[in-house]
Amino acid sequence: MKTRCSLLVAFFLALSLSAQQPTPQPAEKPPEKCVLEGQVVRAGSGEPLKKARVVLRKAEGRDEPYSTLSDAAGRFVLTDLEPGRYRLYVGRNGYVRQEYGQRQPNSPGTILTLAPGQRLRDLVFKLIPAAVIAGRVYDEDGEPVPGARMEALQYRYNRQNRRELAPMRFATSNDRGEYRLFGLPPGRYYISATYSPGMTYMGLGYMSEGGRTTDEEGYAPTYYPGTNDPGRATAMEVRQGDEVGGVDILLLPARAVRVRGRIINTVTGKPVHDAMIHLFPRGAGVRVFSFESRATVDPAKGTFEIARVTPGSYTLFADWYDEDSQENYRARMPLEVGSSNVEGIELVIGRGVELAGTVRLETGLRPTGLGQPAPTGDTTKPEQREAPLDLDDLFVQLNTDDDFPFGGESGPVKADGSFQVKNLSPGEYKVEVWQRGGLPGDYYLKSARLAGDDVLEEGLAVSGPVRGALELTLSPAGGHIEGTVLTAEGQPFSGARVVLVPEERRRQRTDLFKSTTTDQYGRFTLRGITPGEYKLFAWEDIEPGAYQDAEFLRPYEEKGKEVRIREGDRLEVELALIPADGPRPE
């Protein structure tokens, strides 16, 4: 009897314990994959285009793109796609590359939002034929000039929010002096020719043809139809498929001088035999990507000479890689060149200032909406949760605020958050933390402090050895804005350029500006916003970077929607479209 009772007690006890156990939750089902289908045709005729390259990239992040080629019927299919936000591009030789949703070649495209299991069919890309500008280059004697660097330039905004001429296409003149700049979208272009006798242009710079020269003449960059002043150049207007020939340029000779000096290596104390020394034009209103003039270096003495330098303002730049320490060392100095040789320059390569510090991730605060911090328990939706961030994927970047292309230094962050930025030159720097593909989720750089001082807003001044460590804090609780852009008729507008502009007193911080485009439903998302006061704008069309130009932005100030962002905020807004065909406000 006792045994029977014991068994009954054990049974009911087990039953009670079983009832207290949590019911196992079914495994979360992965989202269904998506499919894109479409066709690529020639604009106007509708002729199918074979071998067009179709590329789909995530709008945010570092994921590998999807890509395929169109078939003989111009059809393409992209399968097994993860749901998300994408940008879709199509390109083919002889045609202008096009982004999904573009209304014209230089207008913004549209983000493509794919919901789980979505299958988008009948996407049609109508590619327009690219334009060509061609001609010949002659010297002052009417002889053809081979090996000249030819550029098709357009005005673009630079890092200092100033418009300057920037090269869009490059070419090299052949033995007959002929050049052909192809693959041009419709637009206005300025054509330039740059030539250094005895040198041949090879993509990113000049290759010496050997020997020493005693010539005392050279050629300054010449702009069509025949001027050394880019401000007096004549623009060429080309339409789709145009082949404009006869754009000939007569190079204008100028007295050339030599720049001579000595490069001093304080790292090894030995003559430098493998440093790269170049002259870059400065303040010319033209963006320079190539090495304009390269020095000849005497390895035994550490002396250098740059021949055929035309008068002007330059930056003299040296770059040396130390194979023992596997570090780069740089030196630069401003240089004014007149009508006579420049002698006795001493360019010193040495160890610059080293800056050490740590990056810390702030935890425990996540965005939930209405500006309120999340509770201790994770009640956020999956798309709102803190995105993963590995410290050793990060880089700390210090950038100067001038227009020199090599004006900053960076250092990788280790898994423990420590970093070093080496060989800094004296100057004013802006502090940034970045990751390839951008910081994930709503992360933003919350603070940057050096010896207790805030260097995030005011910048970091380096004049000598830095005392203390640079302490950086990243927070996952940046602001998050979603919304819709509406036309005057109240209809959602796809492909609008949405820009978040900080209040006027903080506009020197270019990292606070954020920009995106609306998707096919007129929706947009901006993430990782630093807390503060902002204005939101939505343009139908705007030149890239124009919104950082105070003069451009001033007439539109009243059209911006004011928003205040606090840590953890999630806002939903509606924006009125600023039409491209309307008159610019006065």
Protein backbone atom coordinates (compact mmCIF):
# COMPACT_ATOMS: atom_id res chain seq x y z
CA MET A 1 0.00 0.00 0.00
CA LYS A 2 2.82 2.39 0.91
CA THR A 3 4.53 1.60 -2.38
CA ARG A 4 1.34 2.37 -4.29
CA CYS A 5 0.92 5.71 -2.51
CA SER A 6 4.55 6.61 -3.18
CA LEU A 7 4.07 5.95 -6.86
CA LEU A 8 0.96 8.17 -6.96
CA VAL A 9 2.79 10.98 -5.17
CA ALA A 10 5.73 10.70 -7.58
CA PHE A 11 3.36 10.76 -10.58
CA PHE A 12 1.51 13.91 -9.48
CA LEU A 13 4.82 15.61 -8.54
CA ALA A 14 6.24 14.93 -11.99
CA LEU A 15 3.01 16.16 -13.55
CA SER A 16 3.21 19.38 -11.50
CA LEU A 17 6.85 20.00 -12.44
CA SER A 18 6.06 19.34 -16.08
CA ALA A 19 3.30 21.94 -16.01
CA GLN A 20 5.74 24.52 -14.61
CA GLN A 21 8.24 24.02 -17.45
CA PRO A 22 8.03 26.73 -20.18
CA THR A 23 6.51 25.60 -23.43
CA PRO A 24 9.30 25.34 -26.01
CA GLN A 25 8.99 28.05 -28.67
CA PRO A 26 9.12 27.02 -32.32
CA ALA A 27 12.28 28.05 -34.13
CA GLU A 28 11.96 31.38 -35.91
CA LYS A 29 11.34 30.76 -39.59
CA PRO A 30 13.87 32.48 -41.84
CA PRO A 31 12.36 35.12 -44.13
CA GLU A 32 11.41 34.00 -47.61
CA LYS A 33 13.83 34.92 -50.38
CA CYS A 34 13.03 37.42 -53.14
CA VAL A 35 13.33 37.50 -56.93
CA LEU A 36 13.92 40.35 -59.42
CA GLU A 37 13.17 40.03 -63.12
CA GLY A 38 13.48 42.58 -65.87
CA GLN A 39 14.76 43.61 -69.28
CA VAL A 40 17.44 45.95 -70.63
CA VAL A 41 16.66 47.77 -73.90
CA ARG A 42 18.01 50.65 -75.93
CA ALA A 43 16.16 53.89 -75.23
CA GLY A 44 14.05 55.05 -78.15
CA SER A 45 14.10 51.89 -80.27
CA GLY A 46 13.36 49.35 -77.55
CA GLU A 47 16.01 47.03 -79.02
CA PRO A 48 17.00 44.35 -76.46
CA LEU A 49 20.55 44.74 -75.15
CA LYS A 50 22.61 41.61 -74.52
CA LYS A 51 25.51 41.43 -72.05
CA ALA A 52 24.36 44.32 -69.91
CA ARG A 53 25.80 43.98 -66.41
CA VAL A 54 23.09 44.07 -63.72
CA VAL A 55 24.33 44.72 -60.16
CA LEU A 56 22.24 44.75 -56.97
CA ARG A 57 23.87 46.20 -53.84
CA LYS A 58 22.59 46.56 -50.29
CA ALA A 59 21.77 50.21 -49.60
CA GLU A 60 23.59 49.85 -46.27
CA GLY A 61 26.28 47.46 -45.11
CA ARG A 62 29.16 45.53 -46.64
CA ASP A 63 27.44 42.48 -48.16
CA GLU A 64 28.72 41.21 -51.50
CA PRO A 65 26.57 42.45 -54.41
CA TYR A 66 24.42 40.21 -56.57
CA SER A 67 25.13 40.42 -60.30
CA THR A 68 24.18 38.86 -63.62
CA LEU A 69 24.23 39.55 -67.38
CA SER A 70 21.25 40.12 -69.62
CA ASP A 71 20.58 37.46 -72.26
CA ALA A 72 19.99 37.84 -76.02
CA ALA A 73 16.45 39.08 -75.32
CA GLY A 74 17.79 41.61 -72.83
CA ARG A 75 16.19 39.66 -69.97
CA PHE A 76 17.77 39.21 -66.54
CA VAL A 77 16.82 37.38 -63.34
CA LEU A 78 18.27 37.75 -59.84
CA THR A 79 17.17 35.02 -57.45
CA ASP A 80 17.67 33.95 -53.84
CA LEU A 81 17.73 37.55 -52.61
CA GLU A 82 17.49 38.47 -48.94
CA PRO A 83 14.70 40.92 -48.06
CA GLY A 84 15.97 44.45 -47.52
CA ARG A 85 16.84 47.79 -49.08
CA TYR A 86 18.92 47.79 -52.27
CA ARG A 87 20.29 49.88 -55.10
CA LEU A 88 20.07 48.38 -58.60
CA TYR A 89 22.44 49.40 -61.42
CA VAL A 90 22.70 48.43 -65.09
CA GLY A 91 25.64 49.21 -67.38
CA ARG A 92 26.86 48.24 -70.82
CA ASN A 93 29.71 49.29 -73.08
CA GLY A 94 28.64 52.23 -75.22
CA TYR A 95 25.77 53.21 -72.94
CA VAL A 96 25.34 55.40 -69.87
CA ARG A 97 25.19 53.47 -66.60
CA GLN A 98 21.74 53.73 -65.06
CA GLU A 99 20.37 53.27 -61.55
CA TYR A 100 16.86 52.04 -60.85
CA GLY A 101 14.45 54.96 -60.60
CA GLN A 102 16.67 57.57 -62.26
CA ARG A 103 14.65 60.12 -64.22
CA GLN A 104 17.72 61.48 -65.99
CA PRO A 105 21.43 60.50 -66.03
CA ASN A 106 22.60 62.85 -63.28
CA SER A 107 19.53 62.59 -61.02
CA PRO A 108 19.38 60.39 -57.90
CA GLY A 109 18.14 56.83 -58.18
CA THR A 110 15.51 55.08 -56.10
CA ILE A 111 16.13 52.64 -53.27
CA LEU A 112 14.48 49.30 -54.00
CA THR A 113 12.75 47.81 -50.94
CA LEU A 114 12.10 44.06 -51.06
CA ALA A 115 9.66 42.47 -48.62
CA PRO A 116 10.02 38.78 -47.63
CA GLY A 117 8.96 36.53 -50.52
CA GLN A 118 8.48 39.46 -52.91
CA ARG A 119 8.89 38.79 -56.65
CA LEU A 120 9.30 41.93 -58.75
CA ARG A 121 8.73 41.40 -62.46
CA ASP A 122 8.89 43.54 -65.56
CA LEU A 123 11.57 45.98 -64.43
CA VAL A 124 12.66 47.79 -67.61
CA PHE A 125 15.93 49.69 -68.00
CA LYS A 126 16.08 51.95 -71.07
CA LEU A 127 19.78 52.69 -71.56
CA ILE A 128 20.78 55.78 -73.51
CA PRO A 129 23.83 55.75 -75.80
CA ALA A 130 26.88 57.48 -74.30
CA ALA A 131 28.40 60.54 -75.90
CA VAL A 132 31.93 60.97 -77.29
CA ILE A 133 34.18 64.03 -77.51
CA ALA A 134 37.19 63.69 -79.81
CA GLY A 135 39.89 65.82 -81.35
CA ARG A 136 43.62 66.38 -81.63
CA VAL A 137 46.36 68.01 -79.57
CA TYR A 138 49.00 70.18 -81.26
CA ASP A 139 52.06 72.05 -80.07
CA GLU A 140 52.95 75.64 -80.96
CA ASP A 141 54.51 74.46 -84.25
CA GLY A 142 51.35 72.68 -85.32
CA GLU A 143 52.82 69.23 -84.75
CA PRO A 144 50.71 66.48 -83.14
CA VAL A 145 51.45 65.77 -79.47
CA PRO A 146 51.44 62.10 -78.38
CA GLY A 147 51.11 61.04 -74.74
CA ALA A 148 49.10 64.07 -73.54
CA ARG A 149 46.64 63.50 -70.74
CA MET A 150 43.14 64.49 -71.81
CA GLU A 151 40.31 65.04 -69.35
CA ALA A 152 36.59 65.73 -69.59
CA LEU A 153 35.77 67.79 -66.50
CA GLN A 154 32.57 68.88 -64.79
CA TYR A 155 31.94 71.12 -61.81
CA ARG A 156 31.50 69.21 -58.53
CA TYR A 157 31.54 70.09 -54.83
CA ASN A 158 34.73 69.26 -52.92
CA ARG A 159 35.30 68.53 -49.20
CA GLN A 160 35.42 72.26 -48.45
CA ASN A 161 31.95 72.74 -50.02
CA ARG A 162 33.39 74.65 -52.95
CA ARG A 163 32.64 73.91 -56.59
CA GLU A 164 35.64 72.93 -58.65
CA LEU A 165 36.34 71.17 -61.92
CA ALA A 166 36.68 67.42 -61.42
CA PRO A 167 37.72 64.88 -64.08
CA MET A 168 34.94 62.52 -65.21
CA ARG A 169 36.82 60.71 -68.01
CA PHE A 170 40.49 60.31 -68.98
CA ALA A 171 42.27 59.52 -72.24
CA THR A 172 45.75 59.66 -73.77
CA SER A 173 46.55 61.14 -77.18
CA ASN A 174 48.06 58.74 -79.70
CA ASP A 175 50.99 59.22 -82.10
CA ARG A 176 48.84 61.44 -84.33
CA GLY A 177 47.82 63.59 -81.38
CA GLU A 178 44.31 62.12 -81.54
CA TYR A 179 42.23 61.51 -78.43
CA ARG A 180 38.76 60.10 -77.78
CA LEU A 181 36.85 60.67 -74.54
CA PHE A 182 34.01 58.13 -74.57
CA GLY A 183 31.29 56.84 -72.23
CA LEU A 184 30.06 60.35 -71.39
CA PRO A 185 26.57 60.93 -69.96
CA PRO A 186 24.74 63.95 -71.41
CA GLY A 187 25.88 67.21 -69.87
CA ARG A 188 28.35 70.12 -69.95
CA TYR A 189 32.05 69.28 -70.07
CA TYR A 190 35.31 71.22 -70.05
CA ILE A 191 38.19 69.63 -71.96
CA SER A 192 41.78 69.94 -70.76
CA ALA A 193 45.15 68.79 -72.07
CA THR A 194 48.24 68.34 -69.90
CA TYR A 195 51.62 67.45 -71.37
CA SER A 196 55.19 67.27 -70.13
CA PRO A 197 57.83 66.80 -72.85
CA GLY A 198 59.78 63.59 -72.40
CA MET A 199 56.98 62.06 -70.33
CA THR A 200 54.06 59.86 -71.34
CA TYR A 201 50.80 59.81 -69.40
CA MET A 202 49.97 56.32 -68.07
CA GLY A 203 46.64 56.39 -66.24
CA LEU A 204 47.52 57.79 -62.79
CA GLY A 205 50.72 59.60 -63.64
CA TYR A 206 53.57 60.11 -66.04
CA MET A 207 56.24 57.63 -67.14
CA SER A 208 59.63 59.09 -67.99
CA GLU A 209 61.00 58.32 -71.43
CA GLY A 210 64.51 58.42 -69.97
CA GLY A 211 67.45 60.78 -70.12
CA ARG A 212 67.93 64.25 -68.69
CA THR A 213 66.52 67.34 -70.26
CA THR A 214 67.86 70.87 -70.60
CA ASP A 215 64.65 72.29 -72.07
CA GLU A 216 63.61 75.57 -70.52
CA GLU A 217 60.03 75.44 -71.83
CA GLY A 218 57.03 73.40 -70.74
CA TYR A 219 53.28 73.44 -71.09
CA ALA A 220 50.79 74.51 -68.48
CA PRO A 221 47.43 72.67 -68.51
CA THR A 222 45.46 74.02 -71.47
CA TYR A 223 41.66 74.20 -71.60
CA TYR A 224 39.54 74.25 -74.74
CA PRO A 225 39.48 76.32 -76.86
CA GLY A 226 42.93 77.61 -75.81
CA THR A 227 43.52 79.07 -72.36
CA ASN A 228 45.52 78.26 -69.24
CA ASP A 229 42.74 79.74 -67.08
CA PRO A 230 39.98 77.20 -66.34
CA GLY A 231 37.65 80.10 -65.54
CA ARG A 232 37.86 81.21 -69.20
CA ALA A 233 37.36 77.76 -70.72
CA THR A 234 34.39 77.04 -72.98
CA ALA A 235 32.01 74.23 -72.01
CA MET A 236 30.98 71.55 -74.48
CA GLU A 237 27.30 70.55 -74.27
CA VAL A 238 26.67 66.97 -75.38
CA ARG A 239 23.43 65.03 -75.68
CA GLN A 240 22.87 61.30 -75.58
CA GLY A 241 24.70 59.47 -78.34
CA ASP A 242 26.50 62.59 -79.62
CA GLU A 243 29.89 62.11 -81.25
CA VAL A 244 31.46 65.55 -81.21
CA GLY A 245 34.70 65.74 -83.20
CA GLY A 246 37.11 68.50 -84.03
CA VAL A 247 37.63 69.58 -80.42
CA ASP A 248 41.28 70.42 -81.07
CA ILE A 249 43.57 71.98 -78.48
CA LEU A 250 46.71 73.99 -79.17
CA LEU A 251 49.08 73.66 -76.22
CA LEU A 252 50.35 76.98 -74.94
CA PRO A 253 54.07 77.00 -74.15
CA ALA A 254 55.25 78.62 -70.95
CA ARG A 255 58.66 79.26 -69.50
CA ALA A 256 59.51 76.30 -67.31
CA VAL A 257 61.90 76.16 -64.38
CA ARG A 258 63.45 73.49 -62.19
CA VAL A 259 62.76 72.70 -58.58
CA ARG A 260 65.79 71.24 -56.77
CA GLY A 261 66.40 70.22 -53.23
CA ARG A 262 67.31 67.54 -50.75
CA ILE A 263 65.13 65.05 -48.96
CA ILE A 264 66.20 64.40 -45.37
CA ASN A 265 65.21 61.16 -43.68
CA THR A 266 65.32 61.55 -39.90
CA VAL A 267 63.87 58.05 -39.41
CA THR A 268 66.98 56.20 -40.63
CA GLY A 269 69.49 59.04 -40.93
CA LYS A 270 70.43 57.72 -44.37
CA PRO A 271 69.83 59.15 -47.86
CA VAL A 272 66.40 58.29 -49.24
CA HIS A 273 66.62 56.39 -52.50
CA ASP A 274 63.02 55.21 -52.97
CA ALA A 275 60.82 58.13 -51.92
CA MET A 276 58.11 59.35 -54.25
CA ILE A 277 58.26 63.15 -54.64
CA HIS A 278 55.58 65.08 -56.52
CA LEU A 279 54.22 68.56 -57.11
CA PHE A 280 50.46 69.10 -56.90
CA PRO A 281 48.86 72.31 -58.21
CA ARG A 282 47.20 74.23 -55.38
CA GLY A 283 44.21 76.55 -55.43
CA ALA A 284 43.66 76.21 -59.18
CA GLY A 285 39.97 75.35 -58.90
CA VAL A 286 40.62 71.98 -60.52
CA ARG A 287 40.64 68.66 -58.67
CA VAL A 288 43.88 66.76 -59.28
CA PHE A 289 43.92 62.96 -59.10
CA SER A 290 47.14 62.31 -60.98
CA PHE A 291 50.75 63.09 -60.07
CA GLU A 292 51.43 66.26 -62.00
CA SER A 293 55.23 66.33 -61.74
CA ARG A 294 57.48 63.62 -60.39
CA ALA A 295 61.00 64.17 -59.17
CA THR A 296 64.19 62.50 -60.26
CA VAL A 297 66.01 61.35 -57.09
CA ASP A 298 69.76 60.79 -56.69
CA PRO A 299 69.83 57.80 -54.29
CA ALA A 300 73.43 58.35 -53.20
CA LYS A 301 73.00 61.99 -52.19
CA GLY A 302 69.28 62.11 -51.42
CA THR A 303 68.85 65.07 -53.77
CA PHE A 304 65.94 65.54 -56.15
CA GLU A 305 65.03 67.59 -59.19
CA ILE A 306 61.71 68.28 -60.88
CA ALA A 307 62.04 69.65 -64.41
CA ARG A 308 59.66 71.67 -66.59
CA VAL A 309 57.66 73.26 -63.79
CA THR A 310 55.50 76.13 -64.98
CA PRO A 311 54.86 79.13 -62.66
CA GLY A 312 52.11 78.69 -60.09
CA SER A 313 51.19 77.62 -56.56
CA TYR A 314 51.99 74.03 -55.59
CA THR A 315 52.23 71.56 -52.75
CA LEU A 316 55.50 69.62 -52.69
CA PHE A 317 54.78 66.15 -51.39
CA ALA A 318 57.01 63.18 -50.46
CA ASP A 319 55.88 59.67 -49.59
CA TRP A 320 58.25 56.98 -48.29
CA TYR A 321 57.49 53.42 -47.20
CA ASP A 322 59.79 51.87 -44.61
CA GLU A 323 59.93 48.14 -45.28
CA ASP A 324 61.44 47.41 -41.86
CA SER A 325 58.64 48.98 -39.83
CA GLN A 326 56.05 48.61 -42.64
CA GLU A 327 54.95 52.19 -42.09
CA ASN A 328 54.37 55.12 -44.44
CA TYR A 329 56.03 58.45 -43.78
CA ARG A 330 54.97 61.64 -45.53
CA ALA A 331 56.10 65.22 -45.77
CA ARG A 332 54.68 68.22 -47.58
CA MET A 333 55.23 71.93 -47.91
CA PRO A 334 53.66 74.79 -49.90
CA LEU A 335 55.75 76.05 -52.77
CA GLU A 336 55.42 79.14 -54.95
CA VAL A 337 57.13 78.86 -58.34
CA GLY A 338 57.94 81.95 -60.37
CA SER A 339 60.05 82.61 -63.46
CA SER A 340 63.36 81.33 -62.07
CA ASN A 341 64.63 78.01 -60.74
CA VAL A 342 63.82 77.10 -57.14
CA GLU A 343 66.92 75.84 -55.34
CA GLY A 344 67.94 74.63 -51.90
CA ILE A 345 64.69 73.07 -50.74
CA GLU A 346 64.93 70.78 -47.73
CA LEU A 347 62.02 68.36 -47.40
CA VAL A 348 62.17 66.49 -44.09
CA ILE A 349 60.66 63.04 -43.67
CA GLY A 350 60.45 62.06 -40.01
CA ARG A 351 58.36 60.41 -37.41
CA GLY A 352 55.25 62.43 -36.93
CA VAL A 353 53.09 62.71 -33.86
CA GLU A 354 51.63 59.47 -32.55
CA LEU A 355 48.15 59.47 -31.07
CA ALA A 356 46.88 56.51 -29.03
CA GLY A 357 43.47 55.91 -27.58
CA THR A 358 40.53 53.59 -27.04
CA VAL A 359 37.10 53.08 -28.55
CA ARG A 360 34.35 52.13 -26.10
CA LEU A 361 30.92 50.78 -27.00
CA GLU A 362 28.10 52.15 -24.89
CA THR A 363 25.50 49.48 -24.10
CA GLY A 364 22.08 49.20 -22.48
CA LEU A 365 20.27 51.93 -24.41
CA ARG A 366 18.33 51.02 -27.53
CA PRO A 367 15.96 52.97 -29.74
CA THR A 368 12.26 52.29 -29.16
CA GLY A 369 10.39 55.37 -30.34
CA LEU A 370 9.00 58.62 -28.98
CA GLY A 371 12.41 59.51 -27.62
CA GLN A 372 12.15 57.11 -24.69
CA PRO A 373 14.99 54.71 -23.77
CA ALA A 374 14.24 51.01 -23.93
CA PRO A 375 13.40 49.07 -20.77
CA THR A 376 15.83 46.56 -19.37
CA GLY A 377 14.09 43.66 -21.13
CA ASP A 378 14.48 43.48 -24.92
CA THR A 379 11.01 44.33 -26.19
CA THR A 380 12.15 45.89 -29.44
CA LYS A 381 11.23 44.56 -32.84
CA PRO A 382 13.97 42.64 -34.69
CA GLU A 383 14.63 45.52 -37.12
CA GLN A 384 15.05 47.92 -34.16
CA ARG A 385 17.56 45.85 -32.25
CA GLU A 386 21.14 46.92 -31.79
CA ALA A 387 23.15 45.83 -34.84
CA PRO A 388 26.29 43.78 -34.15
CA LEU A 389 29.54 45.72 -34.17
CA ASP A 390 33.02 44.23 -33.91
CA LEU A 391 35.63 46.66 -32.66
CA ASP A 392 38.34 45.22 -34.88
CA ASP A 393 36.28 46.15 -37.96
CA LEU A 394 36.63 49.84 -37.11
CA PHE A 395 39.10 52.55 -38.12
CA VAL A 396 39.82 55.87 -36.43
CA GLN A 397 40.29 58.59 -39.04
CA LEU A 398 41.82 62.04 -38.53
CA ASN A 399 41.18 64.36 -41.48
CA THR A 400 42.53 67.82 -42.20
CA ASP A 401 40.18 70.48 -43.50
CA ASP A 402 42.19 71.50 -46.56
CA ASP A 403 41.88 70.43 -50.19
CA PHE A 404 45.05 68.32 -50.30
CA PRO A 405 44.19 64.72 -51.35
CA PHE A 406 46.54 63.10 -48.80
CA GLY A 407 45.71 65.24 -45.79
CA GLY A 408 44.70 62.64 -43.21
CA GLU A 409 45.84 59.56 -41.33
CA SER A 410 43.99 56.57 -39.93
CA GLY A 411 44.60 53.62 -37.64
CA PRO A 412 42.81 50.28 -37.18
CA VAL A 413 41.04 49.48 -33.93
CA LYS A 414 42.01 46.26 -32.14
CA ALA A 415 39.59 43.80 -30.57
CA ASP A 416 40.20 45.33 -27.12
CA GLY A 417 39.27 48.81 -28.44
CA SER A 418 42.79 50.25 -28.49
CA PHE A 419 44.18 52.08 -31.52
CA GLN A 420 47.15 54.13 -32.70
CA VAL A 421 47.25 56.80 -35.40
CA LYS A 422 50.86 57.39 -36.40
CA ASN A 423 52.88 60.03 -38.18
CA LEU A 424 50.51 62.96 -37.82
CA SER A 425 51.77 66.30 -39.10
CA PRO A 426 51.00 69.52 -37.23
CA GLY A 427 47.54 70.77 -38.09
CA GLU A 428 43.83 70.82 -37.27
CA TYR A 429 42.00 67.50 -37.52
CA LYS A 430 38.45 66.20 -37.46
CA VAL A 431 37.86 62.92 -35.63
CA GLU A 432 35.80 60.17 -37.24
CA VAL A 433 35.21 56.47 -36.65
CA TRP A 434 34.25 54.41 -39.66
CA GLN A 435 33.72 50.90 -40.91
CA ARG A 436 33.61 49.70 -44.49
CA GLY A 437 30.00 50.01 -45.54
CA GLY A 438 29.23 52.45 -42.72
CA LEU A 439 28.51 51.98 -39.03
CA PRO A 440 25.68 49.46 -38.58
CA GLY A 441 22.23 50.18 -37.17
CA ASP A 442 21.93 53.41 -35.21
CA TYR A 443 25.53 53.63 -33.96
CA TYR A 444 27.06 57.09 -33.87
CA LEU A 445 30.19 58.71 -32.43
CA LYS A 446 28.86 60.08 -29.14
CA SER A 447 32.00 61.65 -27.69
CA ALA A 448 35.69 62.24 -28.36
CA ARG A 449 37.78 63.50 -25.45
CA LEU A 450 41.49 64.16 -25.13
CA ALA A 451 42.83 64.96 -21.67
CA GLY A 452 39.28 65.84 -20.64
CA ASP A 453 38.69 68.23 -23.55
CA ASP A 454 35.89 67.76 -26.10
CA VAL A 455 37.56 67.46 -29.52
CA LEU A 456 34.49 66.23 -31.40
CA GLU A 457 32.85 69.61 -31.89
CA GLU A 458 35.91 71.87 -32.03
CA GLY A 459 38.40 69.53 -33.69
CA LEU A 460 41.80 68.27 -32.60
CA ALA A 461 44.83 70.57 -32.82
CA VAL A 462 48.20 68.82 -33.22
CA SER A 463 51.31 70.96 -32.76
CA GLY A 464 53.64 68.57 -30.94
CA PRO A 465 53.59 65.44 -28.79
CA VAL A 466 50.04 64.66 -27.64
CA ARG A 467 49.53 64.27 -23.91
CA GLY A 468 46.95 61.70 -22.85
CA ALA A 469 44.82 59.24 -24.78
CA LEU A 470 41.99 59.97 -27.17
CA GLU A 471 38.85 58.41 -25.67
CA LEU A 472 36.06 57.68 -28.15
CA THR A 473 32.58 56.44 -27.30
CA LEU A 474 30.20 54.85 -29.79
CA SER A 475 26.53 54.60 -28.88
CA PRO A 476 23.93 52.32 -30.54
CA ALA A 477 21.13 54.76 -29.62
CA GLY A 478 21.45 57.30 -32.40
CA GLY A 479 18.32 58.89 -33.75
CA HIS A 480 16.23 57.11 -36.36
CA ILE A 481 13.90 58.90 -38.80
CA GLU A 482 11.49 57.25 -41.19
CA GLY A 483 9.02 59.01 -43.40
CA THR A 484 7.34 59.69 -46.71
CA VAL A 485 7.94 62.39 -49.32
CA LEU A 486 4.74 63.75 -50.89
CA THR A 487 4.14 65.84 -54.00
CA ALA A 488 1.92 68.93 -53.99
CA GLU A 489 -0.94 66.57 -54.94
CA GLY A 490 -0.27 64.42 -51.88
CA GLN A 491 1.20 61.51 -53.81
CA PRO A 492 4.31 59.58 -52.60
CA PHE A 493 7.39 60.44 -54.68
CA SER A 494 10.10 57.89 -55.44
CA GLY A 495 13.72 58.86 -55.98
CA ALA A 496 13.62 62.11 -53.98
CA ARG A 497 16.89 63.23 -52.38
CA VAL A 498 16.23 63.49 -48.62
CA VAL A 499 18.84 65.46 -46.66
CA LEU A 500 19.24 65.99 -42.92
CA VAL A 501 21.04 69.29 -42.23
CA PRO A 502 22.30 70.21 -38.72
CA GLU A 503 21.56 73.56 -37.13
CA GLU A 504 23.71 76.37 -38.49
CA ARG A 505 26.21 76.53 -35.61
CA ARG A 506 27.18 72.85 -36.17
CA ARG A 507 27.43 72.81 -39.95
CA GLN A 508 31.21 72.73 -39.85
CA ARG A 509 30.78 69.08 -38.83
CA THR A 510 30.19 67.45 -42.19
CA ASP A 511 29.63 64.09 -40.48
CA LEU A 512 26.31 65.37 -39.10
CA PHE A 513 24.82 65.74 -42.59
CA LYS A 514 22.94 62.66 -43.75
CA SER A 515 21.46 61.91 -47.14
CA THR A 516 19.40 59.16 -48.77
CA THR A 517 16.75 58.68 -51.47
CA THR A 518 13.17 57.50 -51.22
CA ASP A 519 12.25 53.99 -52.33
CA GLN A 520 9.61 52.93 -54.87
CA TYR A 521 6.91 53.71 -52.31
CA GLY A 522 8.20 57.21 -51.51
CA ARG A 523 9.56 56.02 -48.14
CA PHE A 524 12.97 56.84 -46.62
CA THR A 525 15.06 55.92 -43.57
CA LEU A 526 17.90 57.82 -41.88
CA ARG A 527 19.78 56.09 -39.06
CA GLY A 528 22.56 56.72 -36.55
CA ILE A 529 21.73 60.41 -36.08
CA THR A 530 23.67 62.39 -33.49
CA PRO A 531 21.27 64.08 -31.03
CA GLY A 532 20.61 67.71 -31.84
CA GLU A 533 18.54 70.21 -33.85
CA TYR A 534 18.14 69.60 -37.59
CA LYS A 535 16.18 70.46 -40.71
CA LEU A 536 14.89 67.90 -43.21
CA PHE A 537 14.69 68.65 -46.93
CA ALA A 538 13.41 66.59 -49.86
CA TRP A 539 14.55 67.65 -53.35
CA GLU A 540 13.33 66.17 -56.60
CA ASP A 541 16.81 66.80 -57.99
CA ILE A 542 19.95 68.36 -56.52
CA GLU A 543 23.63 68.39 -57.38
CA PRO A 544 25.56 66.00 -55.08
CA GLY A 545 27.04 67.89 -52.14
CA ALA A 546 25.21 71.15 -52.87
CA TYR A 547 23.32 70.96 -49.58
CA GLN A 548 26.57 71.60 -47.69
CA ASP A 549 27.06 74.90 -49.53
CA ALA A 550 25.70 77.73 -47.35
CA GLU A 551 25.00 79.93 -50.38
CA PHE A 552 22.99 77.21 -52.10
CA LEU A 553 21.05 76.27 -48.98
CA ARG A 554 20.14 79.78 -47.83
CA PRO A 555 17.10 80.31 -50.17
CA TYR A 556 15.66 76.93 -49.09
CA GLU A 557 15.99 77.34 -45.31
CA GLU A 558 12.26 78.05 -44.85
CA LYS A 559 11.33 74.89 -46.75
CA GLY A 560 13.13 72.62 -44.28
CA LYS A 561 11.15 70.70 -41.66
CA GLU A 562 12.60 71.28 -38.19
CA VAL A 563 13.22 68.17 -36.09
CA ARG A 564 14.80 67.63 -32.67
CA ILE A 565 16.61 64.36 -32.12
CA ARG A 566 17.27 62.97 -28.66
CA GLU A 567 19.14 59.81 -27.87
CA GLY A 568 17.03 56.80 -28.77
CA ASP A 569 14.43 58.76 -30.76
CA ARG A 570 12.46 57.14 -33.56
CA LEU A 571 10.50 59.70 -35.57
CA GLU A 572 7.93 59.39 -38.35
CA VAL A 573 7.62 62.44 -40.61
CA GLU A 574 6.07 63.63 -43.86
CA LEU A 575 8.05 65.91 -46.15
CA ALA A 576 6.87 68.14 -48.99
CA LEU A 577 8.82 67.67 -52.21
CA ILE A 578 10.88 70.63 -53.48
CA PRO A 579 10.30 70.32 -57.25
CA ALA A 580 13.20 70.53 -59.68
CA ASP A 581 11.28 72.52 -62.29
CA GLY A 582 10.17 75.24 -59.88
CA PRO A 583 12.02 78.56 -59.66
CA ARG A 584 14.80 78.70 -57.12
CA PRO A 585 13.67 80.73 -54.08
CA GLU A 586 15.19 84.21 -53.80
